[in-house]
């Protein structure tokens, strides 16, 4: 009987049919888009992604458009 492999991070929701390369790329992108980033207006750590390309700073209240997955400075 084969040993069951551990599903890793966010890509664990996908099965083996997608391949390890695709799932590892997905992990890198999703880790970037979900963590707080530095605001280009107030230079503080507090920008979160609301939707694709829409970002909101919790500190200064600015809402702006930038990259789809992570901020482009």
PDB file of N, CA and C in Angstrom:
ATOM      1  N   UNK A   1       0.838  -1.174   0.000  1.00  0.00           N
ATOM      2  CA  UNK A   1       0.000   0.000   0.000  1.00  0.00           C
ATOM      3  C   UNK A   1       0.888   1.243   0.000  1.00  0.00           C
ATOM      4  N   UNK A   2       0.558   2.202  -0.838  1.00  0.00           N
ATOM      5  CA  UNK A   2       1.350   3.423  -0.949  1.00  0.00           C
ATOM      6  C   UNK A   2       1.089   4.348   0.237  1.00  0.00           C
ATOM      7  N   UNK A   3       2.118   5.059   0.627  1.00  0.00           N
ATOM      8  CA  UNK A   3       1.991   6.012   1.722  1.00  0.00           C
ATOM      9  C   UNK A   3       1.253   7.253   1.239  1.00  0.00           C
ATOM     10  N   UNK A   4       0.409   7.790   2.092  1.00  0.00           N
ATOM     11  CA  UNK A   4      -0.343   8.988   1.737  1.00  0.00           C
ATOM     12  C   UNK A   4       0.558  10.209   1.900  1.00  0.00           C
ATOM     13  N   UNK A   5       0.606  11.049   0.873  1.00  0.00           N
ATOM     14  CA  UNK A   5       1.430  12.243   0.941  1.00  0.00           C
ATOM     15  C   UNK A   5       0.664  13.367   1.623  1.00  0.00           C
ATOM     16  N   UNK A   6       1.410  14.224   2.297  1.00  0.00           N
ATOM     17  CA  UNK A   6       0.812  15.342   3.002  1.00  0.00           C
ATOM     18  C   UNK A   6       0.469  16.450   2.015  1.00  0.00           C
ATOM     19  N   UNK A   7      -0.711  17.003   2.122  1.00  0.00           N
ATOM     20  CA  UNK A   7      -1.108  18.121   1.281  1.00  0.00           C
ATOM     21  C   UNK A   7      -0.536  19.397   1.873  1.00  0.00           C
ATOM     22  N   UNK A   8       0.043  20.206   1.023  1.00  0.00           N
ATOM     23  CA  UNK A   8       0.814  21.336   1.514  1.00  0.00           C
ATOM     24  C   UNK A   8       0.121  22.659   1.224  1.00  0.00           C
ATOM     25  N   UNK A   9      -0.031  23.469   2.259  1.00  0.00           N
ATOM     26  CA  UNK A   9      -0.503  24.855   2.225  1.00  0.00           C
ATOM     27  C   UNK A   9      -1.796  25.023   1.435  1.00  0.00           C
ATOM     28  N   UNK A  10      -1.916  26.123   0.702  1.00  0.00           N
ATOM     29  CA  UNK A  10      -3.162  26.454   0.019  1.00  0.00           C
ATOM     30  C   UNK A  10      -3.457  25.529  -1.147  1.00  0.00           C
ATOM     31  N   UNK A  11      -2.418  24.942  -1.734  1.00  0.00           N
ATOM     32  CA  UNK A  11      -2.646  24.086  -2.899  1.00  0.00           C
ATOM     33  C   UNK A  11      -3.103  22.685  -2.504  1.00  0.00           C
ATOM     34  N   UNK A  12      -3.269  22.435  -1.231  1.00  0.00           N
ATOM     35  CA  UNK A  12      -3.747  21.141  -0.779  1.00  0.00           C
ATOM     36  C   UNK A  12      -5.172  20.846  -1.209  1.00  0.00           C
ATOM     37  N   UNK A  13      -5.883  21.890  -1.593  1.00  0.00           N
ATOM     38  CA  UNK A  13      -7.267  21.681  -2.038  1.00  0.00           C
ATOM     39  C   UNK A  13      -7.343  21.071  -3.424  1.00  0.00           C
ATOM     40  N   UNK A  14      -6.219  21.092  -4.163  1.00  0.00           N
ATOM     41  CA  UNK A  14      -6.165  20.476  -5.483  1.00  0.00           C
ATOM     42  C   UNK A  14      -5.535  19.098  -5.380  1.00  0.00           C
ATOM     43  N   UNK A  15      -5.969  18.196  -6.197  1.00  0.00           N
ATOM     44  CA  UNK A  15      -5.434  16.844  -6.180  1.00  0.00           C
ATOM     45  C   UNK A  15      -4.151  16.727  -6.983  1.00  0.00           C
ATOM     46  N   UNK A  16      -3.732  15.522  -7.182  1.00  0.00           N
ATOM     47  CA  UNK A  16      -2.471  15.281  -7.875  1.00  0.00           C
ATOM     48  C   UNK A  16      -2.580  15.512  -9.384  1.00  0.00           C
ATOM     49  N   UNK A  17      -3.778  15.667  -9.892  1.00  0.00           N
ATOM     50  CA  UNK A  17      -3.974  15.843 -11.327  1.00  0.00           C
ATOM     51  C   UNK A  17      -3.408  17.133 -11.883  1.00  0.00           C
ATOM     52  N   UNK A  18      -3.133  18.111 -10.994  1.00  0.00           N
ATOM     53  CA  UNK A  18      -2.601  19.391 -11.458  1.00  0.00           C
ATOM     54  C   UNK A  18      -1.086  19.395 -11.533  1.00  0.00           C
ATOM     55  N   UNK A  19      -0.412  18.520 -10.850  1.00  0.00           N
ATOM     56  CA  UNK A  19       1.044  18.454 -10.885  1.00  0.00           C
ATOM     57  C   UNK A  19       1.684  19.320  -9.816  1.00  0.00           C
ATOM     58  N   UNK A  20       2.904  18.961  -9.442  1.00  0.00           N
ATOM     59  CA  UNK A  20       3.575  19.669  -8.355  1.00  0.00           C
ATOM     60  C   UNK A  20       4.047  21.058  -8.781  1.00  0.00           C
ATOM     61  N   UNK A  21       4.432  21.223 -10.031  1.00  0.00           N
ATOM     62  CA  UNK A  21       4.927  22.509 -10.498  1.00  0.00           C
ATOM     63  C   UNK A  21       3.831  23.570 -10.443  1.00  0.00           C
ATOM     64  N   UNK A  22       2.668  23.261 -10.906  1.00  0.00           N
ATOM     65  CA  UNK A  22       1.549  24.197 -10.899  1.00  0.00           C
ATOM     66  C   UNK A  22       1.136  24.524  -9.466  1.00  0.00           C
ATOM     67  N   UNK A  23       1.087  23.520  -8.613  1.00  0.00           N
ATOM     68  CA  UNK A  23       0.686  23.754  -7.229  1.00  0.00           C
ATOM     69  C   UNK A  23       1.716  24.565  -6.456  1.00  0.00           C
ATOM     70  N   UNK A  24       2.996  24.401  -6.747  1.00  0.00           N
ATOM     71  CA  UNK A  24       4.011  25.199  -6.049  1.00  0.00           C
ATOM     72  C   UNK A  24       3.973  26.653  -6.505  1.00  0.00           C
ATOM     73  N   UNK A  25       3.689  26.898  -7.793  1.00  0.00           N
ATOM     74  CA  UNK A  25       3.535  28.271  -8.271  1.00  0.00           C
ATOM     75  C   UNK A  25       2.328  28.946  -7.625  1.00  0.00           C
ATOM     76  N   UNK A  26       1.250  28.195  -7.471  1.00  0.00           N
ATOM     77  CA  UNK A  26       0.049  28.716  -6.832  1.00  0.00           C
ATOM     78  C   UNK A  26       0.334  29.101  -5.383  1.00  0.00           C
ATOM     79  N   UNK A  27       1.104  28.289  -4.672  1.00  0.00           N
ATOM     80  CA  UNK A  27       1.457  28.599  -3.289  1.00  0.00           C
ATOM     81  C   UNK A  27       2.214  29.909  -3.188  1.00  0.00           C
ATOM     82  N   UNK A  28       3.166  30.135  -4.089  1.00  0.00           N
ATOM     83  CA  UNK A  28       3.958  31.366  -4.056  1.00  0.00           C
ATOM     84  C   UNK A  28       3.074  32.592  -4.269  1.00  0.00           C
ATOM     85  N   UNK A  29       2.174  32.517  -5.236  1.00  0.00           N
ATOM     86  CA  UNK A  29       1.299  33.652  -5.544  1.00  0.00           C
ATOM     87  C   UNK A  29       0.328  33.914  -4.395  1.00  0.00           C
ATOM     88  N   UNK A  30      -0.273  32.867  -3.853  1.00  0.00           N
ATOM     89  CA  UNK A  30      -1.270  33.066  -2.808  1.00  0.00           C
ATOM     90  C   UNK A  30      -0.656  33.531  -1.495  1.00  0.00           C
ATOM     91  N   UNK A  31       0.575  33.152  -1.209  1.00  0.00           N
ATOM     92  CA  UNK A  31       1.231  33.669  -0.013  1.00  0.00           C
ATOM     93  C   UNK A  31       1.468  35.167  -0.137  1.00  0.00           C
ATOM     94  N   UNK A  32       1.856  35.631  -1.323  1.00  0.00           N
ATOM     95  CA  UNK A  32       2.076  37.063  -1.542  1.00  0.00           C
ATOM     96  C   UNK A  32       0.783  37.862  -1.457  1.00  0.00           C
ATOM     97  N   UNK A  33      -0.279  37.364  -2.060  1.00  0.00           N
ATOM     98  CA  UNK A  33      -1.499  38.152  -2.137  1.00  0.00           C
ATOM     99  C   UNK A  33      -2.237  38.206  -0.805  1.00  0.00           C
ATOM    100  N   UNK A  34      -1.970  37.301   0.114  1.00  0.00           N
ATOM    101  CA  UNK A  34      -2.710  37.276   1.375  1.00  0.00           C
ATOM    102  C   UNK A  34      -1.999  37.975   2.524  1.00  0.00           C
ATOM    103  N   UNK A  35      -0.719  38.304   2.357  1.00  0.00           N
ATOM    104  CA  UNK A  35      -0.049  38.970   3.467  1.00  0.00           C
ATOM    105  C   UNK A  35      -0.145  40.477   3.324  1.00  0.00           C
ATOM    106  N   UNK A  36       0.010  41.181   4.452  1.00  0.00           N
ATOM    107  CA  UNK A  36      -0.064  42.634   4.431  1.00  0.00           C
ATOM    108  C   UNK A  36       1.161  43.198   3.730  1.00  0.00           C
ATOM    109  N   UNK A  37       0.952  44.285   2.992  1.00  0.00           N
ATOM    110  CA  UNK A  37       2.025  44.892   2.224  1.00  0.00           C
ATOM    111  C   UNK A  37       2.129  46.376   2.566  1.00  0.00           C
ATOM    112  N   UNK A  38       3.221  47.010   2.119  1.00  0.00           N
ATOM    113  CA  UNK A  38       3.497  48.408   2.442  1.00  0.00           C
ATOM    114  C   UNK A  38       2.689  49.332   1.536  1.00  0.00           C
ATOM    115  N   UNK A  39       2.037  50.294   2.153  1.00  0.00           N
ATOM    116  CA  UNK A  39       1.209  51.262   1.426  1.00  0.00           C
ATOM    117  C   UNK A  39       2.095  52.250   0.674  1.00  0.00           C
ATOM    118  N   UNK A  40       1.822  52.499  -0.612  1.00  0.00           N
ATOM    119  CA  UNK A  40       2.608  53.481  -1.357  1.00  0.00           C
ATOM    120  C   UNK A  40       2.303  54.927  -0.966  1.00  0.00           C
ATOM    121  N   UNK A  41       1.192  55.161  -0.257  1.00  0.00           N
ATOM    122  CA  UNK A  41       0.806  56.515   0.137  1.00  0.00           C
ATOM    123  C   UNK A  41       1.366  56.897   1.507  1.00  0.00           C
ATOM    124  N   UNK A  42       1.185  56.031   2.509  1.00  0.00           N
ATOM    125  CA  UNK A  42       1.617  56.372   3.872  1.00  0.00           C
ATOM    126  C   UNK A  42       2.847  55.585   4.313  1.00  0.00           C
ATOM    127  N   UNK A  43       3.321  54.658   3.513  1.00  0.00           N
ATOM    128  CA  UNK A  43       4.531  53.854   3.780  1.00  0.00           C
ATOM    129  C   UNK A  43       4.443  53.007   5.042  1.00  0.00           C
ATOM    130  N   UNK A  44       3.231  52.612   5.416  1.00  0.00           N
ATOM    131  CA  UNK A  44       3.045  51.740   6.579  1.00  0.00           C
ATOM    132  C   UNK A  44       2.556  50.372   6.117  1.00  0.00           C
ATOM    133  N   UNK A  45       2.781  49.382   6.964  1.00  0.00           N
ATOM    134  CA  UNK A  45       2.372  48.018   6.660  1.00  0.00           C
ATOM    135  C   UNK A  45       0.898  47.863   7.013  1.00  0.00           C
ATOM    136  N   UNK A  46       0.039  47.780   6.029  1.00  0.00           N
ATOM    137  CA  UNK A  46      -1.376  47.671   6.332  1.00  0.00           C
ATOM    138  C   UNK A  46      -2.264  47.504   5.119  1.00  0.00           C
ATOM    139  N   UNK A  47      -1.686  47.297   3.955  1.00  0.00           N
ATOM    140  CA  UNK A  47      -2.481  47.160   2.732  1.00  0.00           C
ATOM    141  C   UNK A  47      -2.875  45.706   2.541  1.00  0.00           C
ATOM    142  N   UNK A  48      -4.167  45.480   2.337  1.00  0.00           N
ATOM    143  CA  UNK A  48      -4.655  44.134   2.064  1.00  0.00           C
ATOM    144  C   UNK A  48      -5.415  44.135   0.754  1.00  0.00           C
ATOM    145  N   UNK A  49      -5.427  43.001   0.106  1.00  0.00           N
ATOM    146  CA  UNK A  49      -6.112  42.836  -1.174  1.00  0.00           C
ATOM    147  C   UNK A  49      -7.595  42.619  -0.927  1.00  0.00           C
ATOM    148  N   UNK A  50      -8.438  43.419  -1.570  1.00  0.00           N
ATOM    149  CA  UNK A  50      -9.888  43.254  -1.457  1.00  0.00           C
ATOM    150  C   UNK A  50     -10.405  42.324  -2.532  1.00  0.00           C
ATOM    151  N   UNK A  51      -9.990  42.572  -3.763  1.00  0.00           N
ATOM    152  CA  UNK A  51     -10.342  41.712  -4.879  1.00  0.00           C
ATOM    153  C   UNK A  51      -9.238  41.856  -5.910  1.00  0.00           C
ATOM    154  N   UNK A  52      -9.424  41.278  -7.066  1.00  0.00           N
ATOM    155  CA  UNK A  52      -8.376  41.285  -8.082  1.00  0.00           C
ATOM    156  C   UNK A  52      -8.039  42.713  -8.521  1.00  0.00           C
ATOM    157  N   UNK A  53      -6.869  43.198  -8.112  1.00  0.00           N
ATOM    158  CA  UNK A  53      -6.418  44.518  -8.499  1.00  0.00           C
ATOM    159  C   UNK A  53      -6.881  45.655  -7.610  1.00  0.00           C
ATOM    160  N   UNK A  54      -7.725  45.393  -6.615  1.00  0.00           N
ATOM    161  CA  UNK A  54      -8.227  46.420  -5.708  1.00  0.00           C
ATOM    162  C   UNK A  54      -7.572  46.218  -4.338  1.00  0.00           C
ATOM    163  N   UNK A  55      -6.935  47.285  -3.835  1.00  0.00           N
ATOM    164  CA  UNK A  55      -6.208  47.229  -2.571  1.00  0.00           C
ATOM    165  C   UNK A  55      -6.744  48.293  -1.623  1.00  0.00           C
ATOM    166  N   UNK A  56      -6.680  48.019  -0.314  1.00  0.00           N
ATOM    167  CA  UNK A  56      -7.176  48.935   0.694  1.00  0.00           C
ATOM    168  C   UNK A  56      -6.176  49.021   1.834  1.00  0.00           C
ATOM    169  N   UNK A  57      -5.811  50.253   2.214  1.00  0.00           N
ATOM    170  CA  UNK A  57      -4.901  50.470   3.335  1.00  0.00           C
ATOM    171  C   UNK A  57      -5.723  50.685   4.596  1.00  0.00           C
ATOM    172  N   UNK A  58      -5.488  49.885   5.606  1.00  0.00           N
ATOM    173  CA  UNK A  58      -6.223  49.993   6.863  1.00  0.00           C
ATOM    174  C   UNK A  58      -5.760  51.201   7.676  1.00  0.00           C
ATOM    175  N   UNK A  59      -4.528  51.658   7.466  1.00  0.00           N
ATOM    176  CA  UNK A  59      -3.968  52.748   8.263  1.00  0.00           C
ATOM    177  C   UNK A  59      -4.458  54.114   7.788  1.00  0.00           C
ATOM    178  N   UNK A  60      -4.313  54.397   6.482  1.00  0.00           N
ATOM    179  CA  UNK A  60      -4.682  55.732   5.981  1.00  0.00           C
ATOM    180  C   UNK A  60      -6.043  55.751   5.294  1.00  0.00           C
ATOM    181  N   UNK A  61      -6.643  54.602   5.065  1.00  0.00           N
ATOM    182  CA  UNK A  61      -7.979  54.548   4.485  1.00  0.00           C
ATOM    183  C   UNK A  61      -8.032  54.686   2.972  1.00  0.00           C
ATOM    184  N   UNK A  62      -6.892  54.710   2.306  1.00  0.00           N
ATOM    185  CA  UNK A  62      -6.861  54.831   0.843  1.00  0.00           C
ATOM    186  C   UNK A  62      -7.266  53.512   0.202  1.00  0.00           C
ATOM    187  N   UNK A  63      -7.983  53.632  -0.900  1.00  0.00           N
ATOM    188  CA  UNK A  63      -8.375  52.475  -1.691  1.00  0.00           C
ATOM    189  C   UNK A  63      -7.891  52.746  -3.106  1.00  0.00           C
ATOM    190  N   UNK A  64      -7.109  51.826  -3.659  1.00  0.00           N
ATOM    191  CA  UNK A  64      -6.491  52.092  -4.949  1.00  0.00           C
ATOM    192  C   UNK A  64      -6.337  50.810  -5.748  1.00  0.00           C
ATOM    193  N   UNK A  65      -5.976  50.972  -7.021  1.00  0.00           N
ATOM    194  CA  UNK A  65      -5.780  49.845  -7.920  1.00  0.00           C
ATOM    195  C   UNK A  65      -4.285  49.647  -8.159  1.00  0.00           C
ATOM    196  N   UNK A  66      -3.894  48.390  -8.277  1.00  0.00           N
ATOM    197  CA  UNK A  66      -2.502  48.048  -8.571  1.00  0.00           C
ATOM    198  C   UNK A  66      -2.501  46.658  -9.181  1.00  0.00           C
ATOM    199  N   UNK A  67      -1.450  45.894  -8.952  1.00  0.00           N
ATOM    200  CA  UNK A  67      -1.347  44.561  -9.531  1.00  0.00           C
ATOM    201  C   UNK A  67      -2.442  43.630  -9.034  1.00  0.00           C
ATOM    202  N   UNK A  68      -2.707  42.585  -9.768  1.00  0.00           N
ATOM    203  CA  UNK A  68      -3.790  41.673  -9.427  1.00  0.00           C
ATOM    204  C   UNK A  68      -3.467  40.833  -8.197  1.00  0.00           C
ATOM    205  N   UNK A  69      -2.212  40.402  -8.035  1.00  0.00           N
ATOM    206  CA  UNK A  69      -1.865  39.492  -6.950  1.00  0.00           C
ATOM    207  C   UNK A  69      -0.998  40.120  -5.883  1.00  0.00           C
ATOM    208  N   UNK A  70      -0.148  41.077  -6.240  1.00  0.00           N
ATOM    209  CA  UNK A  70       0.677  41.777  -5.270  1.00  0.00           C
ATOM    210  C   UNK A  70       0.934  43.189  -5.764  1.00  0.00           C
ATOM    211  N   UNK A  71       1.300  44.066  -4.830  1.00  0.00           N
ATOM    212  CA  UNK A  71       1.479  45.478  -5.177  1.00  0.00           C
ATOM    213  C   UNK A  71       2.692  45.667  -6.064  1.00  0.00           C
ATOM    214  N   UNK A  72       2.533  46.508  -7.066  1.00  0.00           N
ATOM    215  CA  UNK A  72       3.645  46.887  -7.934  1.00  0.00           C
ATOM    216  C   UNK A  72       4.049  48.295  -7.574  1.00  0.00           C
ATOM    217  N   UNK A  73       5.283  48.449  -7.112  1.00  0.00           N
ATOM    218  CA  UNK A  73       5.757  49.777  -6.696  1.00  0.00           C
ATOM    219  C   UNK A  73       6.430  50.481  -7.832  1.00  0.00           C
TER     220      UNK A  73
END
